[in-house]
Amino acid sequence: MIIEHENLNLQPSLREMVNIFNQYHPNYVSTLDFYANGVMSPAAGVSRLKNNGLVIDTYKADIDDRNGRTRRGVACYKIVGLE
């Protein structure tokens, strides 16, 4: 789901996370993807977005990082709606 963050009262860091979600739409965004885009605390940001009324689906997966090393239990997120 693409979110128009202009309609939400969000801090700049949270607006940037929404932009990243929109760029990856319709795919999930992993913690590693957020790190690569300059977000240092994705889990805290996702929690704050949920507190602001976004419904975010989460699952954990084993993902290869950019160096080819498998990272186990990486959180992956996707915005699925608004409350």
PDB file of N, CA and C in Angstrom:
ATOM      1  N   MET A   1       0.843  -1.170   0.000  1.00  0.00           N
ATOM      2  CA  MET A   1       0.000   0.000   0.000  1.00  0.00           C
ATOM      3  C   MET A   1       0.895   1.241   0.000  1.00  0.00           C
ATOM      4  N   ILE A   2       0.683   2.116  -0.937  1.00  0.00           N
ATOM      5  CA  ILE A   2       1.440   3.358  -0.995  1.00  0.00           C
ATOM      6  C   ILE A   2       0.743   4.384  -0.098  1.00  0.00           C
ATOM      7  N   ILE A   3       1.546   5.006   0.777  1.00  0.00           N
ATOM      8  CA  ILE A   3       1.020   5.951   1.754  1.00  0.00           C
ATOM      9  C   ILE A   3       1.455   7.366   1.370  1.00  0.00           C
ATOM     10  N   GLU A   4       0.507   8.278   1.352  1.00  0.00           N
ATOM     11  CA  GLU A   4       0.804   9.697   1.143  1.00  0.00           C
ATOM     12  C   GLU A   4       1.126  10.299   2.502  1.00  0.00           C
ATOM     13  N   HIS A   5       2.419  10.378   2.827  1.00  0.00           N
ATOM     14  CA  HIS A   5       2.810  10.816   4.163  1.00  0.00           C
ATOM     15  C   HIS A   5       2.520  12.289   4.413  1.00  0.00           C
ATOM     16  N   GLU A   6       2.225  13.054   3.364  1.00  0.00           N
ATOM     17  CA  GLU A   6       1.896  14.463   3.551  1.00  0.00           C
ATOM     18  C   GLU A   6       0.625  14.625   4.387  1.00  0.00           C
ATOM     19  N   ASN A   7      -0.248  13.613   4.342  1.00  0.00           N
ATOM     20  CA  ASN A   7      -1.507  13.666   5.076  1.00  0.00           C
ATOM     21  C   ASN A   7      -1.349  13.231   6.536  1.00  0.00           C
ATOM     22  N   LEU A   8      -0.170  12.725   6.892  1.00  0.00           N
ATOM     23  CA  LEU A   8       0.081  12.270   8.249  1.00  0.00           C
ATOM     24  C   LEU A   8       0.988  13.261   8.955  1.00  0.00           C
ATOM     25  N   ASN A   9       0.809  13.405  10.246  1.00  0.00           N
ATOM     26  CA  ASN A   9       1.651  14.297  11.036  1.00  0.00           C
ATOM     27  C   ASN A   9       2.827  13.481  11.579  1.00  0.00           C
ATOM     28  N   LEU A  10       3.890  13.345  10.770  1.00  0.00           N
ATOM     29  CA  LEU A  10       5.033  12.506  11.137  1.00  0.00           C
ATOM     30  C   LEU A  10       6.305  13.333  11.225  1.00  0.00           C
ATOM     31  N   GLN A  11       7.216  12.862  12.064  1.00  0.00           N
ATOM     32  CA  GLN A  11       8.542  13.459  12.141  1.00  0.00           C
ATOM     33  C   GLN A  11       9.290  13.158  10.849  1.00  0.00           C
ATOM     34  N   PRO A  12      10.302  13.966  10.513  1.00  0.00           N
ATOM     35  CA  PRO A  12      11.047  13.753   9.263  1.00  0.00           C
ATOM     36  C   PRO A  12      11.636  12.349   9.122  1.00  0.00           C
ATOM     37  N   SER A  13      12.148  11.776  10.201  1.00  0.00           N
ATOM     38  CA  SER A  13      12.727  10.434  10.102  1.00  0.00           C
ATOM     39  C   SER A  13      11.670   9.389   9.760  1.00  0.00           C
ATOM     40  N   LEU A  14      10.470   9.568  10.296  1.00  0.00           N
ATOM     41  CA  LEU A  14       9.380   8.631   9.992  1.00  0.00           C
ATOM     42  C   LEU A  14       8.863   8.832   8.577  1.00  0.00           C
ATOM     43  N   ARG A  15       8.837  10.083   8.113  1.00  0.00           N
ATOM     44  CA  ARG A  15       8.445  10.342   6.714  1.00  0.00           C
ATOM     45  C   ARG A  15       9.431   9.657   5.768  1.00  0.00           C
ATOM     46  N   GLU A  16      10.707   9.679   6.120  1.00  0.00           N
ATOM     47  CA  GLU A  16      11.712   9.011   5.286  1.00  0.00           C
ATOM     48  C   GLU A  16      11.471   7.505   5.253  1.00  0.00           C
ATOM     49  N   MET A  17      11.101   6.927   6.371  1.00  0.00           N
ATOM     50  CA  MET A  17      10.789   5.491   6.382  1.00  0.00           C
ATOM     51  C   MET A  17       9.589   5.191   5.491  1.00  0.00           C
ATOM     52  N   VAL A  18       8.572   6.046   5.532  1.00  0.00           N
ATOM     53  CA  VAL A  18       7.403   5.853   4.664  1.00  0.00           C
ATOM     54  C   VAL A  18       7.823   5.953   3.203  1.00  0.00           C
ATOM     55  N   ASN A  19       8.723   6.883   2.883  1.00  0.00           N
ATOM     56  CA  ASN A  19       9.238   6.984   1.512  1.00  0.00           C
ATOM     57  C   ASN A  19       9.921   5.692   1.088  1.00  0.00           C
ATOM     58  N   ILE A  20      10.699   5.101   1.984  1.00  0.00           N
ATOM     59  CA  ILE A  20      11.378   3.832   1.672  1.00  0.00           C
ATOM     60  C   ILE A  20      10.349   2.733   1.449  1.00  0.00           C
ATOM     61  N   PHE A  21       9.333   2.652   2.307  1.00  0.00           N
ATOM     62  CA  PHE A  21       8.258   1.674   2.096  1.00  0.00           C
ATOM     63  C   PHE A  21       7.634   1.869   0.717  1.00  0.00           C
ATOM     64  N   ASN A  22       7.370   3.115   0.340  1.00  0.00           N
ATOM     65  CA  ASN A  22       6.757   3.391  -0.962  1.00  0.00           C
ATOM     66  C   ASN A  22       7.669   2.987  -2.114  1.00  0.00           C
ATOM     67  N   GLN A  23       8.978   3.179  -1.975  1.00  0.00           N
ATOM     68  CA  GLN A  23       9.930   2.797  -3.030  1.00  0.00           C
ATOM     69  C   GLN A  23       9.949   1.289  -3.245  1.00  0.00           C
ATOM     70  N   TYR A  24       9.796   0.535  -2.170  1.00  0.00           N
ATOM     71  CA  TYR A  24       9.861  -0.927  -2.257  1.00  0.00           C
ATOM     72  C   TYR A  24       8.506  -1.561  -2.561  1.00  0.00           C
ATOM     73  N   HIS A  25       7.439  -0.777  -2.562  1.00  0.00           N
ATOM     74  CA  HIS A  25       6.085  -1.301  -2.789  1.00  0.00           C
ATOM     75  C   HIS A  25       6.026  -2.085  -4.100  1.00  0.00           C
ATOM     76  N   PRO A  26       5.456  -3.256  -4.168  1.00  0.00           N
ATOM     77  CA  PRO A  26       4.641  -3.966  -3.188  1.00  0.00           C
ATOM     78  C   PRO A  26       5.435  -4.969  -2.349  1.00  0.00           C
ATOM     79  N   ASN A  27       6.759  -4.889  -2.353  1.00  0.00           N
ATOM     80  CA  ASN A  27       7.598  -5.856  -1.643  1.00  0.00           C
ATOM     81  C   ASN A  27       7.799  -5.466  -0.179  1.00  0.00           C
ATOM     82  N   TYR A  28       8.275  -6.421   0.582  1.00  0.00           N
ATOM     83  CA  TYR A  28       8.651  -6.171   1.960  1.00  0.00           C
ATOM     84  C   TYR A  28       9.985  -5.432   1.998  1.00  0.00           C
ATOM     85  N   VAL A  29      10.213  -4.677   3.069  1.00  0.00           N
ATOM     86  CA  VAL A  29      11.473  -3.960   3.285  1.00  0.00           C
ATOM     87  C   VAL A  29      12.157  -4.612   4.477  1.00  0.00           C
ATOM     88  N   SER A  30      13.382  -5.078   4.284  1.00  0.00           N
ATOM     89  CA  SER A  30      14.094  -5.731   5.378  1.00  0.00           C
ATOM     90  C   SER A  30      14.847  -4.706   6.219  1.00  0.00           C
ATOM     91  N   THR A  31      15.246  -5.128   7.400  1.00  0.00           N
ATOM     92  CA  THR A  31      16.082  -4.293   8.249  1.00  0.00           C
ATOM     93  C   THR A  31      17.348  -3.896   7.502  1.00  0.00           C
ATOM     94  N   LEU A  32      17.916  -4.817   6.731  1.00  0.00           N
ATOM     95  CA  LEU A  32      19.131  -4.520   5.963  1.00  0.00           C
ATOM     96  C   LEU A  32      18.865  -3.448   4.906  1.00  0.00           C
ATOM     97  N   ASP A  33      17.685  -3.474   4.298  1.00  0.00           N
ATOM     98  CA  ASP A  33      17.315  -2.436   3.331  1.00  0.00           C
ATOM     99  C   ASP A  33      17.238  -1.065   4.006  1.00  0.00           C
ATOM    100  N   PHE A  34      16.643  -1.034   5.189  1.00  0.00           N
ATOM    101  CA  PHE A  34      16.576   0.236   5.920  1.00  0.00           C
ATOM    102  C   PHE A  34      17.975   0.736   6.256  1.00  0.00           C
ATOM    103  N   TYR A  35      18.845  -0.163   6.729  1.00  0.00           N
ATOM    104  CA  TYR A  35      20.230   0.237   7.025  1.00  0.00           C
ATOM    105  C   TYR A  35      20.896   0.820   5.781  1.00  0.00           C
ATOM    106  N   ALA A  36      20.702   0.160   4.634  1.00  0.00           N
ATOM    107  CA  ALA A  36      21.313   0.619   3.381  1.00  0.00           C
ATOM    108  C   ALA A  36      20.795   1.994   2.968  1.00  0.00           C
ATOM    109  N   ASN A  37      19.589   2.346   3.432  1.00  0.00           N
ATOM    110  CA  ASN A  37      18.992   3.650   3.114  1.00  0.00           C
ATOM    111  C   ASN A  37      19.187   4.671   4.234  1.00  0.00           C
ATOM    112  N   GLY A  38      20.052   4.370   5.190  1.00  0.00           N
ATOM    113  CA  GLY A  38      20.409   5.338   6.223  1.00  0.00           C
ATOM    114  C   GLY A  38      19.556   5.346   7.473  1.00  0.00           C
ATOM    115  N   VAL A  39      18.658   4.380   7.618  1.00  0.00           N
ATOM    116  CA  VAL A  39      17.831   4.302   8.828  1.00  0.00           C
ATOM    117  C   VAL A  39      18.582   3.431   9.835  1.00  0.00           C
ATOM    118  N   MET A  40      18.909   4.007  10.989  1.00  0.00           N
ATOM    119  CA  MET A  40      19.729   3.290  11.959  1.00  0.00           C
ATOM    120  C   MET A  40      18.940   2.450  12.951  1.00  0.00           C
ATOM    121  N   SER A  41      17.683   2.769  13.178  1.00  0.00           N
ATOM    122  CA  SER A  41      16.857   2.011  14.127  1.00  0.00           C
ATOM    123  C   SER A  41      15.508   1.663  13.506  1.00  0.00           C
ATOM    124  N   PRO A  42      15.513   0.721  12.551  1.00  0.00           N
ATOM    125  CA  PRO A  42      14.260   0.405  11.858  1.00  0.00           C
ATOM    126  C   PRO A  42      13.155  -0.107  12.781  1.00  0.00           C
ATOM    127  N   ALA A  43      13.491  -0.959  13.750  1.00  0.00           N
ATOM    128  CA  ALA A  43      12.458  -1.527  14.618  1.00  0.00           C
ATOM    129  C   ALA A  43      11.771  -0.431  15.429  1.00  0.00           C
ATOM    130  N   ALA A  44      12.542   0.518  15.939  1.00  0.00           N
ATOM    131  CA  ALA A  44      11.957   1.621  16.701  1.00  0.00           C
ATOM    132  C   ALA A  44      11.085   2.492  15.799  1.00  0.00           C
ATOM    133  N   GLY A  45      11.544   2.725  14.572  1.00  0.00           N
ATOM    134  CA  GLY A  45      10.758   3.515  13.623  1.00  0.00           C
ATOM    135  C   GLY A  45       9.455   2.835  13.259  1.00  0.00           C
ATOM    136  N   VAL A  46       9.507   1.529  13.037  1.00  0.00           N
ATOM    137  CA  VAL A  46       8.288   0.774  12.715  1.00  0.00           C
ATOM    138  C   VAL A  46       7.317   0.848  13.893  1.00  0.00           C
ATOM    139  N   SER A  47       7.829   0.726  15.104  1.00  0.00           N
ATOM    140  CA  SER A  47       6.975   0.820  16.286  1.00  0.00           C
ATOM    141  C   SER A  47       6.296   2.186  16.358  1.00  0.00           C
ATOM    142  N   ARG A  48       7.041   3.254  16.082  1.00  0.00           N
ATOM    143  CA  ARG A  48       6.463   4.603  16.112  1.00  0.00           C
ATOM    144  C   ARG A  48       5.449   4.790  14.983  1.00  0.00           C
ATOM    145  N   LEU A  49       5.709   4.206  13.812  1.00  0.00           N
ATOM    146  CA  LEU A  49       4.733   4.285  12.724  1.00  0.00           C
ATOM    147  C   LEU A  49       3.440   3.572  13.101  1.00  0.00           C
ATOM    148  N   LYS A  50       3.570   2.419  13.758  1.00  0.00           N
ATOM    149  CA  LYS A  50       2.376   1.704  14.221  1.00  0.00           C
ATOM    150  C   LYS A  50       1.601   2.541  15.218  1.00  0.00           C
ATOM    151  N   ASN A  51       2.319   3.245  16.098  1.00  0.00           N
ATOM    152  CA  ASN A  51       1.660   4.118  17.078  1.00  0.00           C
ATOM    153  C   ASN A  51       0.957   5.291  16.401  1.00  0.00           C
ATOM    154  N   ASN A  52       1.372   5.627  15.177  1.00  0.00           N
ATOM    155  CA  ASN A  52       0.749   6.705  14.412  1.00  0.00           C
ATOM    156  C   ASN A  52      -0.370   6.198  13.499  1.00  0.00           C
ATOM    157  N   GLY A  53      -0.771   4.938  13.655  1.00  0.00           N
ATOM    158  CA  GLY A  53      -1.937   4.436  12.948  1.00  0.00           C
ATOM    159  C   GLY A  53      -1.681   3.596  11.712  1.00  0.00           C
ATOM    160  N   LEU A  54      -0.413   3.339  11.370  1.00  0.00           N
ATOM    161  CA  LEU A  54      -0.142   2.483  10.216  1.00  0.00           C
ATOM    162  C   LEU A  54      -0.196   1.019  10.646  1.00  0.00           C
ATOM    163  N   VAL A  55      -0.742   0.187   9.791  1.00  0.00           N
ATOM    164  CA  VAL A  55      -0.782  -1.257  10.034  1.00  0.00           C
ATOM    165  C   VAL A  55       0.376  -1.859   9.235  1.00  0.00           C
ATOM    166  N   ILE A  56       1.315  -2.476   9.942  1.00  0.00           N
ATOM    167  CA  ILE A  56       2.528  -2.995   9.311  1.00  0.00           C
ATOM    168  C   ILE A  56       2.647  -4.481   9.596  1.00  0.00           C
ATOM    169  N   ASP A  57       2.760  -5.269   8.528  1.00  0.00           N
ATOM    170  CA  ASP A  57       2.953  -6.712   8.636  1.00  0.00           C
ATOM    171  C   ASP A  57       4.447  -6.978   8.790  1.00  0.00           C
ATOM    172  N   THR A  58       4.790  -7.927   9.654  1.00  0.00           N
ATOM    173  CA  THR A  58       6.193  -8.244   9.923  1.00  0.00           C
ATOM    174  C   THR A  58       6.404  -9.751   9.866  1.00  0.00           C
ATOM    175  N   TYR A  59       7.511 -10.156   9.277  1.00  0.00           N
ATOM    176  CA  TYR A  59       7.938 -11.551   9.368  1.00  0.00           C
ATOM    177  C   TYR A  59       9.459 -11.561   9.421  1.00  0.00           C
ATOM    178  N   LYS A  60      10.032 -12.688   9.807  1.00  0.00           N
ATOM    179  CA  LYS A  60      11.486 -12.816   9.876  1.00  0.00           C
ATOM    180  C   LYS A  60      11.953 -13.820   8.839  1.00  0.00           C
ATOM    181  N   ALA A  61      13.107 -13.524   8.219  1.00  0.00           N
ATOM    182  CA  ALA A  61      13.633 -14.383   7.151  1.00  0.00           C
ATOM    183  C   ALA A  61      15.150 -14.410   7.228  1.00  0.00           C
ATOM    184  N   ASP A  62      15.725 -15.421   6.603  1.00  0.00           N
ATOM    185  CA  ASP A  62      17.174 -15.494   6.445  1.00  0.00           C
ATOM    186  C   ASP A  62      17.511 -14.810   5.130  1.00  0.00           C
ATOM    187  N   ILE A  63      18.357 -13.776   5.196  1.00  0.00           N
ATOM    188  CA  ILE A  63      18.661 -12.947   4.033  1.00  0.00           C
ATOM    189  C   ILE A  63      20.173 -12.817   3.884  1.00  0.00           C
ATOM    190  N   ASP A  64      20.636 -12.873   2.645  1.00  0.00           N
ATOM    191  CA  ASP A  64      22.054 -12.649   2.371  1.00  0.00           C
ATOM    192  C   ASP A  64      22.314 -11.149   2.322  1.00  0.00           C
ATOM    193  N   ASP A  65      23.348 -10.708   3.054  1.00  0.00           N
ATOM    194  CA  ASP A  65      23.692  -9.291   3.009  1.00  0.00           C
ATOM    195  C   ASP A  65      24.508  -9.009   1.749  1.00  0.00           C
ATOM    196  N   ARG A  66      24.931  -7.761   1.573  1.00  0.00           N
ATOM    197  CA  ARG A  66      25.625  -7.392   0.332  1.00  0.00           C
ATOM    198  C   ARG A  66      27.007  -8.020   0.208  1.00  0.00           C
ATOM    199  N   ASN A  67      27.510  -8.607   1.304  1.00  0.00           N
ATOM    200  CA  ASN A  67      28.790  -9.322   1.262  1.00  0.00           C
ATOM    201  C   ASN A  67      28.602 -10.814   1.054  1.00  0.00           C
ATOM    202  N   GLY A  68      27.362 -11.264   0.884  1.00  0.00           N
ATOM    203  CA  GLY A  68      27.076 -12.667   0.647  1.00  0.00           C
ATOM    204  C   GLY A  68      26.924 -13.499   1.909  1.00  0.00           C
ATOM    205  N   ARG A  69      26.995 -12.868   3.062  1.00  0.00           N
ATOM    206  CA  ARG A  69      26.843 -13.592   4.325  1.00  0.00           C
ATOM    207  C   ARG A  69      25.363 -13.702   4.670  1.00  0.00           C
ATOM    208  N   THR A  70      24.922 -14.892   5.053  1.00  0.00           N
ATOM    209  CA  THR A  70      23.520 -15.101   5.408  1.00  0.00           C
ATOM    210  C   THR A  70      23.255 -14.581   6.809  1.00  0.00           C
ATOM    211  N   ARG A  71      22.288 -13.696   6.905  1.00  0.00           N
ATOM    212  CA  ARG A  71      21.856 -13.143   8.193  1.00  0.00           C
ATOM    213  C   ARG A  71      20.553 -13.831   8.556  1.00  0.00           C
ATOM    214  N   ARG A  72      20.516 -14.421   9.721  1.00  0.00           N
ATOM    215  CA  ARG A  72      19.350 -15.191  10.148  1.00  0.00           C
ATOM    216  C   ARG A  72      18.382 -14.324  10.953  1.00  0.00           C
ATOM    217  N   GLY A  73      17.095 -14.526  10.717  1.00  0.00           N
ATOM    218  CA  GLY A  73      16.057 -13.856  11.491  1.00  0.00           C
ATOM    219  C   GLY A  73      15.973 -12.355  11.283  1.00  0.00           C
ATOM    220  N   VAL A  74      16.202 -11.918  10.049  1.00  0.00           N
ATOM    221  CA  VAL A  74      16.108 -10.492   9.735  1.00  0.00           C
ATOM    222  C   VAL A  74      14.635 -10.110   9.601  1.00  0.00           C
ATOM    223  N   ALA A  75      14.247  -9.057  10.287  1.00  0.00           N
ATOM    224  CA  ALA A  75      12.855  -8.594  10.222  1.00  0.00           C
ATOM    225  C   ALA A  75      12.575  -7.944   8.873  1.00  0.00           C
ATOM    226  N   CYS A  76      11.405  -8.252   8.311  1.00  0.00           N
ATOM    227  CA  CYS A  76      10.948  -7.673   7.043  1.00  0.00           C
ATOM    228  C   CYS A  76       9.566  -7.075   7.278  1.00  0.00           C
ATOM    229  N   TYR A  77       9.351  -5.879   6.751  1.00  0.00           N
ATOM    230  CA  TYR A  77       8.145  -5.112   7.044  1.00  0.00           C
ATOM    231  C   TYR A  77       7.436  -4.690   5.761  1.00  0.00           C
ATOM    232  N   LYS A  78       6.111  -4.536   5.879  1.00  0.00           N
ATOM    233  CA  LYS A  78       5.302  -4.052   4.762  1.00  0.00           C
ATOM    234  C   LYS A  78       4.093  -3.310   5.317  1.00  0.00           C
ATOM    235  N   ILE A  79       3.823  -2.117   4.809  1.00  0.00           N
ATOM    236  CA  ILE A  79       2.634  -1.386   5.213  1.00  0.00           C
ATOM    237  C   ILE A  79       1.426  -2.011   4.511  1.00  0.00           C
ATOM    238  N   VAL A  80       0.420  -2.397   5.282  1.00  0.00           N
ATOM    239  CA  VAL A  80      -0.764  -3.029   4.697  1.00  0.00           C
ATOM    240  C   VAL A  80      -2.013  -2.179   4.865  1.00  0.00           C
ATOM    241  N   GLY A  81      -1.929  -1.084   5.611  1.00  0.00           N
ATOM    242  CA  GLY A  81      -3.108  -0.241   5.753  1.00  0.00           C
ATOM    243  C   GLY A  81      -2.942   0.845   6.797  1.00  0.00           C
ATOM    244  N   LEU A  82      -4.026   1.570   7.001  1.00  0.00           N
ATOM    245  CA  LEU A  82      -4.119   2.617   8.018  1.00  0.00           C
ATOM    246  C   LEU A  82      -5.264   2.291   8.950  1.00  0.00           C
ATOM    247  N   GLU A  83      -5.091   2.592  10.213  1.00  0.00           N
ATOM    248  CA  GLU A  83      -6.188   2.372  11.185  1.00  0.00           C
ATOM    249  C   GLU A  83      -7.178   3.505  11.102  1.00  0.00           C
TER     250      GLU A  83
END
